[in-house]
């Protein structure tokens, strides 16, 4: 979207200001799009409570760390691991069923 806007910059300082403005907008859009399960107070303190707003990458990292911390505190298994475990369990069932079928046919 940013490429479709016609903005005239006079020098590199203007470009730096615009870059930081766009990054702030993306940070706010990212934070606004978070699931409601995130503790909004923690997000505000860890991201918006800093003297200087962190970069977008730092913000994503902070939120990822908060998600990991919350998962440990709530004793939750991350979605990636649990879905991998499900797919592995499904594969194991197929192997067992195939072995039983082969044994029955012998």
PDB file of N, CA and C in Angstrom:
ATOM      1  N   UNK A   1       0.815  -1.195   0.000  1.00  0.00           N
ATOM      2  CA  UNK A   1       0.000   0.000   0.000  1.00  0.00           C
ATOM      3  C   UNK A   1       0.856   1.255   0.000  1.00  0.00           C
ATOM      4  N   UNK A   2       1.968   1.192   0.713  1.00  0.00           N
ATOM      5  CA  UNK A   2       2.813   2.379   0.830  1.00  0.00           C
ATOM      6  C   UNK A   2       3.351   2.835  -0.520  1.00  0.00           C
ATOM      7  N   UNK A   3       3.531   1.899  -1.441  1.00  0.00           N
ATOM      8  CA  UNK A   3       4.111   2.238  -2.739  1.00  0.00           C
ATOM      9  C   UNK A   3       3.152   3.026  -3.628  1.00  0.00           C
ATOM     10  N   UNK A   4       1.867   2.977  -3.323  1.00  0.00           N
ATOM     11  CA  UNK A   4       0.886   3.679  -4.139  1.00  0.00           C
ATOM     12  C   UNK A   4       0.669   5.123  -3.705  1.00  0.00           C
ATOM     13  N   UNK A   5       1.262   5.505  -2.595  1.00  0.00           N
ATOM     14  CA  UNK A   5       1.127   6.876  -2.125  1.00  0.00           C
ATOM     15  C   UNK A   5       2.261   7.717  -2.701  1.00  0.00           C
ATOM     16  N   UNK A   6       1.911   8.853  -3.220  1.00  0.00           N
ATOM     17  CA  UNK A   6       2.909   9.749  -3.802  1.00  0.00           C
ATOM     18  C   UNK A   6       3.315  10.771  -2.738  1.00  0.00           C
ATOM     19  N   UNK A   7       4.499  10.578  -2.186  1.00  0.00           N
ATOM     20  CA  UNK A   7       4.997  11.474  -1.146  1.00  0.00           C
ATOM     21  C   UNK A   7       6.336  12.026  -1.603  1.00  0.00           C
ATOM     22  N   UNK A   8       6.427  13.332  -1.620  1.00  0.00           N
ATOM     23  CA  UNK A   8       7.667  13.992  -2.026  1.00  0.00           C
ATOM     24  C   UNK A   8       8.539  14.241  -0.802  1.00  0.00           C
ATOM     25  N   UNK A   9       9.766  13.742  -0.851  1.00  0.00           N
ATOM     26  CA  UNK A   9      10.711  13.963   0.239  1.00  0.00           C
ATOM     27  C   UNK A   9      11.866  14.797  -0.289  1.00  0.00           C
ATOM     28  N   UNK A  10      12.299  15.760   0.511  1.00  0.00           N
ATOM     29  CA  UNK A  10      13.346  16.670   0.064  1.00  0.00           C
ATOM     30  C   UNK A  10      14.742  16.170   0.395  1.00  0.00           C
ATOM     31  N   UNK A  11      14.868  15.400   1.476  1.00  0.00           N
ATOM     32  CA  UNK A  11      16.199  14.912   1.843  1.00  0.00           C
ATOM     33  C   UNK A  11      16.084  13.603   2.623  1.00  0.00           C
ATOM     34  N   UNK A  12      17.228  13.081   3.038  1.00  0.00           N
ATOM     35  CA  UNK A  12      17.238  11.795   3.732  1.00  0.00           C
ATOM     36  C   UNK A  12      16.566  11.872   5.100  1.00  0.00           C
ATOM     37  N   UNK A  13      16.550  13.049   5.696  1.00  0.00           N
ATOM     38  CA  UNK A  13      15.876  13.206   6.986  1.00  0.00           C
ATOM     39  C   UNK A  13      14.370  13.000   6.822  1.00  0.00           C
ATOM     40  N   UNK A  14      13.806  13.525   5.731  1.00  0.00           N
ATOM     41  CA  UNK A  14      12.386  13.303   5.445  1.00  0.00           C
ATOM     42  C   UNK A  14      12.100  11.810   5.265  1.00  0.00           C
ATOM     43  N   UNK A  15      13.001  11.119   4.567  1.00  0.00           N
ATOM     44  CA  UNK A  15      12.822   9.682   4.341  1.00  0.00           C
ATOM     45  C   UNK A  15      12.855   8.916   5.660  1.00  0.00           C
ATOM     46  N   UNK A  16      13.754   9.304   6.567  1.00  0.00           N
ATOM     47  CA  UNK A  16      13.847   8.642   7.871  1.00  0.00           C
ATOM     48  C   UNK A  16      12.592   8.892   8.700  1.00  0.00           C
ATOM     49  N   UNK A  17      12.078  10.106   8.654  1.00  0.00           N
ATOM     50  CA  UNK A  17      10.854  10.445   9.392  1.00  0.00           C
ATOM     51  C   UNK A  17       9.678   9.636   8.852  1.00  0.00           C
ATOM     52  N   UNK A  18       9.568   9.556   7.529  1.00  0.00           N
ATOM     53  CA  UNK A  18       8.486   8.788   6.917  1.00  0.00           C
ATOM     54  C   UNK A  18       8.605   7.309   7.264  1.00  0.00           C
ATOM     55  N   UNK A  19       9.822   6.787   7.214  1.00  0.00           N
ATOM     56  CA  UNK A  19      10.031   5.372   7.530  1.00  0.00           C
ATOM     57  C   UNK A  19       9.583   5.069   8.959  1.00  0.00           C
ATOM     58  N   UNK A  20       9.945   5.919   9.900  1.00  0.00           N
ATOM     59  CA  UNK A  20       9.562   5.711  11.301  1.00  0.00           C
ATOM     60  C   UNK A  20       8.048   5.843  11.480  1.00  0.00           C
ATOM     61  N   UNK A  21       7.430   6.791  10.767  1.00  0.00           N
ATOM     62  CA  UNK A  21       5.979   6.967  10.827  1.00  0.00           C
ATOM     63  C   UNK A  21       5.263   5.707  10.340  1.00  0.00           C
ATOM     64  N   UNK A  22       5.705   5.176   9.207  1.00  0.00           N
ATOM     65  CA  UNK A  22       5.085   3.975   8.644  1.00  0.00           C
ATOM     66  C   UNK A  22       5.275   2.794   9.595  1.00  0.00           C
ATOM     67  N   UNK A  23       6.466   2.689  10.194  1.00  0.00           N
ATOM     68  CA  UNK A  23       6.719   1.595  11.126  1.00  0.00           C
ATOM     69  C   UNK A  23       5.810   1.694  12.354  1.00  0.00           C
ATOM     70  N   UNK A  24       5.610   2.898  12.871  1.00  0.00           N
ATOM     71  CA  UNK A  24       4.702   3.081  14.011  1.00  0.00           C
ATOM     72  C   UNK A  24       3.285   2.650  13.648  1.00  0.00           C
ATOM     73  N   UNK A  25       2.843   3.033  12.462  1.00  0.00           N
ATOM     74  CA  UNK A  25       1.504   2.643  12.016  1.00  0.00           C
ATOM     75  C   UNK A  25       1.376   1.125  11.955  1.00  0.00           C
ATOM     76  N   UNK A  26       2.404   0.469  11.445  1.00  0.00           N
ATOM     77  CA  UNK A  26       2.370  -0.994  11.345  1.00  0.00           C
ATOM     78  C   UNK A  26       2.373  -1.638  12.728  1.00  0.00           C
ATOM     79  N   UNK A  27       3.105  -1.052  13.671  1.00  0.00           N
ATOM     80  CA  UNK A  27       3.120  -1.572  15.044  1.00  0.00           C
ATOM     81  C   UNK A  27       1.725  -1.483  15.644  1.00  0.00           C
ATOM     82  N   UNK A  28       1.072  -0.337  15.488  1.00  0.00           N
ATOM     83  CA  UNK A  28      -0.270  -0.166  16.048  1.00  0.00           C
ATOM     84  C   UNK A  28      -1.272  -1.101  15.375  1.00  0.00           C
ATOM     85  N   UNK A  29      -1.148  -1.299  14.059  1.00  0.00           N
ATOM     86  CA  UNK A  29      -2.032  -2.233  13.363  1.00  0.00           C
ATOM     87  C   UNK A  29      -1.802  -3.658  13.860  1.00  0.00           C
ATOM     88  N   UNK A  30      -0.538  -4.019  14.058  1.00  0.00           N
ATOM     89  CA  UNK A  30      -0.201  -5.351  14.572  1.00  0.00           C
ATOM     90  C   UNK A  30      -0.797  -5.562  15.960  1.00  0.00           C
ATOM     91  N   UNK A  31      -0.604  -4.597  16.843  1.00  0.00           N
ATOM     92  CA  UNK A  31      -1.122  -4.713  18.209  1.00  0.00           C
ATOM     93  C   UNK A  31      -2.649  -4.747  18.227  1.00  0.00           C
ATOM     94  N   UNK A  32      -3.270  -3.966  17.354  1.00  0.00           N
ATOM     95  CA  UNK A  32      -4.737  -3.941  17.298  1.00  0.00           C
ATOM     96  C   UNK A  32      -5.292  -5.265  16.783  1.00  0.00           C
ATOM     97  N   UNK A  33      -4.506  -5.982  15.998  1.00  0.00           N
ATOM     98  CA  UNK A  33      -4.965  -7.243  15.434  1.00  0.00           C
ATOM     99  C   UNK A  33      -4.712  -8.462  16.302  1.00  0.00           C
ATOM    100  N   UNK A  34      -4.125  -8.268  17.483  1.00  0.00           N
ATOM    101  CA  UNK A  34      -3.849  -9.404  18.366  1.00  0.00           C
ATOM    102  C   UNK A  34      -5.139 -10.016  18.881  1.00  0.00           C
ATOM    103  N   UNK A  35      -5.084 -11.302  19.162  1.00  0.00           N
ATOM    104  CA  UNK A  35      -6.233 -11.993  19.759  1.00  0.00           C
ATOM    105  C   UNK A  35      -6.562 -11.373  21.104  1.00  0.00           C
ATOM    106  N   UNK A  36      -7.816 -11.450  21.489  1.00  0.00           N
ATOM    107  CA  UNK A  36      -8.249 -10.882  22.761  1.00  0.00           C
ATOM    108  C   UNK A  36      -7.665 -11.616  23.961  1.00  0.00           C
ATOM    109  N   UNK A  37      -7.154 -12.830  23.736  1.00  0.00           N
ATOM    110  CA  UNK A  37      -6.602 -13.594  24.853  1.00  0.00           C
ATOM    111  C   UNK A  37      -5.325 -12.977  25.409  1.00  0.00           C
ATOM    112  N   UNK A  38      -4.691 -12.094  24.653  1.00  0.00           N
ATOM    113  CA  UNK A  38      -3.500 -11.425  25.165  1.00  0.00           C
ATOM    114  C   UNK A  38      -3.900 -10.415  26.221  1.00  0.00           C
ATOM    115  N   UNK A  39      -3.132 -10.373  27.268  1.00  0.00           N
ATOM    116  CA  UNK A  39      -3.361  -9.412  28.341  1.00  0.00           C
ATOM    117  C   UNK A  39      -2.973  -8.032  27.821  1.00  0.00           C
ATOM    118  N   UNK A  40      -3.965  -7.216  27.547  1.00  0.00           N
ATOM    119  CA  UNK A  40      -3.713  -5.908  26.946  1.00  0.00           C
ATOM    120  C   UNK A  40      -2.849  -5.022  27.833  1.00  0.00           C
ATOM    121  N   UNK A  41      -2.964  -5.178  29.141  1.00  0.00           N
ATOM    122  CA  UNK A  41      -2.146  -4.375  30.053  1.00  0.00           C
ATOM    123  C   UNK A  41      -0.678  -4.735  29.878  1.00  0.00           C
ATOM    124  N   UNK A  42      -0.376  -6.036  29.801  1.00  0.00           N
ATOM    125  CA  UNK A  42       1.011  -6.466  29.603  1.00  0.00           C
ATOM    126  C   UNK A  42       1.557  -5.941  28.283  1.00  0.00           C
ATOM    127  N   UNK A  43       0.746  -5.985  27.235  1.00  0.00           N
ATOM    128  CA  UNK A  43       1.180  -5.487  25.926  1.00  0.00           C
ATOM    129  C   UNK A  43       1.480  -3.999  26.010  1.00  0.00           C
ATOM    130  N   UNK A  44       0.596  -3.259  26.651  1.00  0.00           N
ATOM    131  CA  UNK A  44       0.802  -1.817  26.760  1.00  0.00           C
ATOM    132  C   UNK A  44       2.056  -1.499  27.552  1.00  0.00           C
ATOM    133  N   UNK A  45       2.279  -2.230  28.647  1.00  0.00           N
ATOM    134  CA  UNK A  45       3.456  -1.965  29.476  1.00  0.00           C
ATOM    135  C   UNK A  45       4.732  -2.338  28.731  1.00  0.00           C
ATOM    136  N   UNK A  46       4.742  -3.505  28.099  1.00  0.00           N
ATOM    137  CA  UNK A  46       5.963  -4.002  27.468  1.00  0.00           C
ATOM    138  C   UNK A  46       6.289  -3.330  26.143  1.00  0.00           C
ATOM    139  N   UNK A  47       5.309  -2.834  25.435  1.00  0.00           N
ATOM    140  CA  UNK A  47       5.566  -2.218  24.130  1.00  0.00           C
ATOM    141  C   UNK A  47       5.349  -0.713  24.191  1.00  0.00           C
ATOM    142  N   UNK A  48       4.149  -0.313  24.537  1.00  0.00           N
ATOM    143  CA  UNK A  48       3.810   1.105  24.485  1.00  0.00           C
ATOM    144  C   UNK A  48       4.357   1.880  25.674  1.00  0.00           C
ATOM    145  N   UNK A  49       4.712   1.178  26.746  1.00  0.00           N
ATOM    146  CA  UNK A  49       5.222   1.845  27.937  1.00  0.00           C
ATOM    147  C   UNK A  49       6.691   2.223  27.859  1.00  0.00           C
ATOM    148  N   UNK A  50       7.360   1.820  26.802  1.00  0.00           N
ATOM    149  CA  UNK A  50       8.775   2.155  26.655  1.00  0.00           C
ATOM    150  C   UNK A  50       8.925   3.619  26.266  1.00  0.00           C
ATOM    151  N   UNK A  51      10.051   4.187  26.650  1.00  0.00           N
ATOM    152  CA  UNK A  51      10.297   5.597  26.323  1.00  0.00           C
ATOM    153  C   UNK A  51      10.305   5.804  24.812  1.00  0.00           C
ATOM    154  N   UNK A  52      11.043   4.949  24.112  1.00  0.00           N
ATOM    155  CA  UNK A  52      11.028   4.962  22.648  1.00  0.00           C
ATOM    156  C   UNK A  52      10.269   3.730  22.178  1.00  0.00           C
ATOM    157  N   UNK A  53       9.349   3.924  21.262  1.00  0.00           N
ATOM    158  CA  UNK A  53       8.587   2.805  20.724  1.00  0.00           C
ATOM    159  C   UNK A  53       9.551   1.849  20.028  1.00  0.00           C
ATOM    160  N   UNK A  54       9.500   0.553  20.347  1.00  0.00           N
ATOM    161  CA  UNK A  54      10.417  -0.391  19.700  1.00  0.00           C
ATOM    162  C   UNK A  54      10.085  -0.548  18.222  1.00  0.00           C
ATOM    163  N   UNK A  55      11.008  -1.132  17.479  1.00  0.00           N
ATOM    164  CA  UNK A  55      10.766  -1.381  16.060  1.00  0.00           C
ATOM    165  C   UNK A  55       9.690  -2.460  15.921  1.00  0.00           C
ATOM    166  N   UNK A  56       9.223  -2.659  14.705  1.00  0.00           N
ATOM    167  CA  UNK A  56       8.206  -3.679  14.454  1.00  0.00           C
ATOM    168  C   UNK A  56       8.748  -5.063  14.799  1.00  0.00           C
ATOM    169  N   UNK A  57       9.990  -5.345  14.407  1.00  0.00           N
ATOM    170  CA  UNK A  57      10.584  -6.651  14.726  1.00  0.00           C
ATOM    171  C   UNK A  57      10.710  -6.854  16.230  1.00  0.00           C
ATOM    172  N   UNK A  58      11.119  -5.824  16.950  1.00  0.00           N
ATOM    173  CA  UNK A  58      11.213  -5.921  18.409  1.00  0.00           C
ATOM    174  C   UNK A  58       9.836  -6.146  19.024  1.00  0.00           C
ATOM    175  N   UNK A  59       8.826  -5.473  18.489  1.00  0.00           N
ATOM    176  CA  UNK A  59       7.458  -5.628  18.989  1.00  0.00           C
ATOM    177  C   UNK A  59       6.978  -7.061  18.803  1.00  0.00           C
ATOM    178  N   UNK A  60       7.212  -7.612  17.627  1.00  0.00           N
ATOM    179  CA  UNK A  60       6.813  -8.995  17.357  1.00  0.00           C
ATOM    180  C   UNK A  60       7.546  -9.944  18.300  1.00  0.00           C
ATOM    181  N   UNK A  61       8.816  -9.676  18.535  1.00  0.00           N
ATOM    182  CA  UNK A  61       9.603 -10.495  19.461  1.00  0.00           C
ATOM    183  C   UNK A  61       9.056 -10.408  20.887  1.00  0.00           C
ATOM    184  N   UNK A  62       8.709  -9.212  21.322  1.00  0.00           N
ATOM    185  CA  UNK A  62       8.153  -9.015  22.669  1.00  0.00           C
ATOM    186  C   UNK A  62       6.844  -9.780  22.821  1.00  0.00           C
ATOM    187  N   UNK A  63       5.989  -9.706  21.806  1.00  0.00           N
ATOM    188  CA  UNK A  63       4.702 -10.402  21.863  1.00  0.00           C
ATOM    189  C   UNK A  63       4.922 -11.912  21.854  1.00  0.00           C
ATOM    190  N   UNK A  64       5.874 -12.384  21.041  1.00  0.00           N
ATOM    191  CA  UNK A  64       6.188 -13.816  21.026  1.00  0.00           C
ATOM    192  C   UNK A  64       6.681 -14.300  22.379  1.00  0.00           C
ATOM    193  N   UNK A  65       7.530 -13.498  23.025  1.00  0.00           N
ATOM    194  CA  UNK A  65       8.028 -13.851  24.357  1.00  0.00           C
ATOM    195  C   UNK A  65       6.890 -13.861  25.371  1.00  0.00           C
ATOM    196  N   UNK A  66       5.987 -12.905  25.256  1.00  0.00           N
ATOM    197  CA  UNK A  66       4.829 -12.846  26.160  1.00  0.00           C
ATOM    198  C   UNK A  66       3.938 -14.072  25.962  1.00  0.00           C
ATOM    199  N   UNK A  67       3.767 -14.484  24.694  1.00  0.00           N
ATOM    200  CA  UNK A  67       2.967 -15.672  24.413  1.00  0.00           C
ATOM    201  C   UNK A  67       3.626 -16.909  25.022  1.00  0.00           C
ATOM    202  N   UNK A  68       4.944 -17.012  24.893  1.00  0.00           N
ATOM    203  CA  UNK A  68       5.661 -18.133  25.490  1.00  0.00           C
ATOM    204  C   UNK A  68       5.562 -18.126  27.004  1.00  0.00           C
ATOM    205  N   UNK A  69       5.706 -16.955  27.611  1.00  0.00           N
ATOM    206  CA  UNK A  69       5.613 -16.822  29.065  1.00  0.00           C
ATOM    207  C   UNK A  69       4.223 -17.228  29.540  1.00  0.00           C
ATOM    208  N   UNK A  70       3.223 -16.753  28.817  1.00  0.00           N
ATOM    209  CA  UNK A  70       1.849 -17.072  29.195  1.00  0.00           C
ATOM    210  C   UNK A  70       1.580 -18.566  29.048  1.00  0.00           C
ATOM    211  N   UNK A  71       2.133 -19.172  28.002  1.00  0.00           N
ATOM    212  CA  UNK A  71       1.957 -20.606  27.802  1.00  0.00           C
ATOM    213  C   UNK A  71       2.570 -21.415  28.926  1.00  0.00           C
ATOM    214  N   UNK A  72       3.737 -20.982  29.402  1.00  0.00           N
ATOM    215  CA  UNK A  72       4.386 -21.674  30.517  1.00  0.00           C
ATOM    216  C   UNK A  72       3.562 -21.506  31.785  1.00  0.00           C
ATOM    217  N   UNK A  73       3.090 -20.291  32.026  1.00  0.00           N
ATOM    218  CA  UNK A  73       2.311 -20.024  33.235  1.00  0.00           C
ATOM    219  C   UNK A  73       0.984 -20.787  33.229  1.00  0.00           C
ATOM    220  N   UNK A  74       0.388 -20.933  32.063  1.00  0.00           N
ATOM    221  CA  UNK A  74      -0.909 -21.602  31.946  1.00  0.00           C
ATOM    222  C   UNK A  74      -0.744 -23.085  31.639  1.00  0.00           C
ATOM    223  N   UNK A  75       0.520 -23.535  31.498  1.00  0.00           N
ATOM    224  CA  UNK A  75       0.839 -24.921  31.182  1.00  0.00           C
ATOM    225  C   UNK A  75       0.187 -25.355  29.876  1.00  0.00           C
ATOM    226  N   UNK A  76       0.271 -24.488  28.871  1.00  0.00           N
ATOM    227  CA  UNK A  76      -0.293 -24.783  27.556  1.00  0.00           C
ATOM    228  C   UNK A  76       0.814 -25.272  26.638  1.00  0.00           C
ATOM    229  N   UNK A  77       0.468 -26.179  25.727  1.00  0.00           N
ATOM    230  CA  UNK A  77       1.396 -26.609  24.700  1.00  0.00           C
ATOM    231  C   UNK A  77       1.209 -25.689  23.508  1.00  0.00           C
ATOM    232  N   UNK A  78       2.285 -25.134  22.947  1.00  0.00           N
ATOM    233  CA  UNK A  78       2.129 -24.274  21.771  1.00  0.00           C
ATOM    234  C   UNK A  78       1.423 -25.010  20.644  1.00  0.00           C
ATOM    235  N   UNK A  79       0.665 -24.261  19.844  1.00  0.00           N
ATOM    236  CA  UNK A  79      -0.130 -24.842  18.771  1.00  0.00           C
ATOM    237  C   UNK A  79       0.717 -25.637  17.790  1.00  0.00           C
ATOM    238  N   UNK A  80       1.884 -25.150  17.454  1.00  0.00           N
ATOM    239  CA  UNK A  80       2.725 -25.832  16.475  1.00  0.00           C
ATOM    240  C   UNK A  80       3.100 -27.210  16.994  1.00  0.00           C
ATOM    241  N   UNK A  81       3.510 -27.295  18.242  1.00  0.00           N
ATOM    242  CA  UNK A  81       3.903 -28.578  18.808  1.00  0.00           C
ATOM    243  C   UNK A  81       2.711 -29.517  18.921  1.00  0.00           C
ATOM    244  N   UNK A  82       1.570 -29.004  19.360  1.00  0.00           N
ATOM    245  CA  UNK A  82       0.418 -29.880  19.538  1.00  0.00           C
ATOM    246  C   UNK A  82      -0.094 -30.383  18.194  1.00  0.00           C
ATOM    247  N   UNK A  83      -0.069 -29.550  17.157  1.00  0.00           N
ATOM    248  CA  UNK A  83      -0.520 -30.015  15.849  1.00  0.00           C
ATOM    249  C   UNK A  83       0.468 -31.011  15.267  1.00  0.00           C
ATOM    250  N   UNK A  84       1.763 -30.820  15.529  1.00  0.00           N
ATOM    251  CA  UNK A  84       2.762 -31.781  15.066  1.00  0.00           C
ATOM    252  C   UNK A  84       2.564 -33.112  15.774  1.00  0.00           C
ATOM    253  N   UNK A  85       2.225 -33.047  17.058  1.00  0.00           N
ATOM    254  CA  UNK A  85       1.988 -34.274  17.806  1.00  0.00           C
ATOM    255  C   UNK A  85       0.769 -35.001  17.257  1.00  0.00           C
ATOM    256  N   UNK A  86      -0.255 -34.253  16.873  1.00  0.00           N
ATOM    257  CA  UNK A  86      -1.442 -34.878  16.299  1.00  0.00           C
ATOM    258  C   UNK A  86      -1.116 -35.555  14.985  1.00  0.00           C
ATOM    259  N   UNK A  87      -0.347 -34.881  14.126  1.00  0.00           N
ATOM    260  CA  UNK A  87      -0.022 -35.477  12.837  1.00  0.00           C
ATOM    261  C   UNK A  87       0.864 -36.697  13.024  1.00  0.00           C
ATOM    262  N   UNK A  88       1.788 -36.654  13.996  1.00  0.00           N
ATOM    263  CA  UNK A  88       2.615 -37.823  14.268  1.00  0.00           C
ATOM    264  C   UNK A  88       1.778 -38.971  14.804  1.00  0.00           C
ATOM    265  N   UNK A  89       0.806 -38.679  15.650  1.00  0.00           N
ATOM    266  CA  UNK A  89      -0.067 -39.716  16.188  1.00  0.00           C
ATOM    267  C   UNK A  89      -0.886 -40.345  15.067  1.00  0.00           C
ATOM    268  N   UNK A  90      -1.358 -39.526  14.135  1.00  0.00           N
ATOM    269  CA  UNK A  90      -2.114 -40.044  13.001  1.00  0.00           C
ATOM    270  C   UNK A  90      -1.264 -40.947  12.129  1.00  0.00           C
ATOM    271  N   UNK A  91      -0.027 -40.561  11.887  1.00  0.00           N
ATOM    272  CA  UNK A  91       0.885 -41.382  11.098  1.00  0.00           C
ATOM    273  C   UNK A  91       1.166 -42.704  11.800  1.00  0.00           C
ATOM    274  N   UNK A  92       1.330 -42.660  13.105  1.00  0.00           N
ATOM    275  CA  UNK A  92       1.609 -43.868  13.875  1.00  0.00           C
ATOM    276  C   UNK A  92       0.430 -44.829  13.793  1.00  0.00           C
ATOM    277  N   UNK A  93      -0.797 -44.301  13.858  1.00  0.00           N
ATOM    278  CA  UNK A  93      -1.981 -45.154  13.747  1.00  0.00           C
ATOM    279  C   UNK A  93      -2.008 -45.831  12.384  1.00  0.00           C
ATOM    280  N   UNK A  94      -1.650 -45.088  11.326  1.00  0.00           N
ATOM    281  CA  UNK A  94      -1.628 -45.661   9.984  1.00  0.00           C
ATOM    282  C   UNK A  94      -0.598 -46.778   9.883  1.00  0.00           C
ATOM    283  N   UNK A  95       0.571 -46.583  10.480  1.00  0.00           N
ATOM    284  CA  UNK A  95       1.623 -47.604  10.448  1.00  0.00           C
ATOM    285  C   UNK A  95       1.169 -48.850  11.188  1.00  0.00           C
ATOM    286  N   UNK A  96       0.570 -48.676  12.366  1.00  0.00           N
ATOM    287  CA  UNK A  96       0.088 -49.818  13.150  1.00  0.00           C
ATOM    288  C   UNK A  96      -0.993 -50.562  12.380  1.00  0.00           C
ATOM    289  N   UNK A  97      -1.939 -49.840  11.794  1.00  0.00           N
ATOM    290  CA  UNK A  97      -3.022 -50.468  11.033  1.00  0.00           C
ATOM    291  C   UNK A  97      -2.466 -51.217   9.827  1.00  0.00           C
ATOM    292  N   UNK A  98      -1.490 -50.636   9.150  1.00  0.00           N
ATOM    293  CA  UNK A  98      -0.885 -51.282   7.985  1.00  0.00           C
ATOM    294  C   UNK A  98      -0.147 -52.553   8.404  1.00  0.00           C
ATOM    295  N   UNK A  99       0.572 -52.495   9.516  1.00  0.00           N
ATOM    296  CA  UNK A  99       1.274 -53.682  10.010  1.00  0.00           C
ATOM    297  C   UNK A  99       0.295 -54.788  10.384  1.00  0.00           C
ATOM    298  N   UNK A 100      -0.828 -54.421  11.003  1.00  0.00           N
ATOM    299  CA  UNK A 100      -1.833 -55.415  11.372  1.00  0.00           C
ATOM    300  C   UNK A 100      -2.452 -56.042  10.128  1.00  0.00           C
ATOM    301  N   UNK A 101      -2.691 -55.228   9.105  1.00  0.00           N
ATOM    302  CA  UNK A 101      -3.260 -55.728   7.859  1.00  0.00           C
ATOM    303  C   UNK A 101      -2.292 -56.682   7.179  1.00  0.00           C
ATOM    304  N   UNK A 102      -1.018 -56.319   7.140  1.00  0.00           N
ATOM    305  CA  UNK A 102      -0.004 -57.181   6.530  1.00  0.00           C
ATOM    306  C   UNK A 102       0.132 -58.496   7.293  1.00  0.00           C
ATOM    307  N   UNK A 103       0.075 -58.428   8.618  1.00  0.00           N
ATOM    308  CA  UNK A 103       0.184 -59.639   9.433  1.00  0.00           C
ATOM    309  C   UNK A 103      -1.026 -60.548   9.209  1.00  0.00           C
ATOM    310  N   UNK A 104      -2.193 -59.962   9.028  1.00  0.00           N
ATOM    311  CA  UNK A 104      -3.411 -60.747   8.816  1.00  0.00           C
ATOM    312  C   UNK A 104      -3.396 -61.416   7.446  1.00  0.00           C
ATOM    313  N   UNK A 105      -2.793 -60.776   6.448  1.00  0.00           N
ATOM    314  CA  UNK A 105      -2.757 -61.314   5.092  1.00  0.00           C
ATOM    315  C   UNK A 105      -1.692 -62.395   4.925  1.00  0.00           C
ATOM    316  N   UNK A 106      -0.763 -62.524   5.856  1.00  0.00           N
ATOM    317  CA  UNK A 106       0.316 -63.519   5.715  1.00  0.00           C
ATOM    318  C   UNK A 106      -0.122 -64.865   6.118  1.00  0.00           C
TER     319      UNK A 106
END
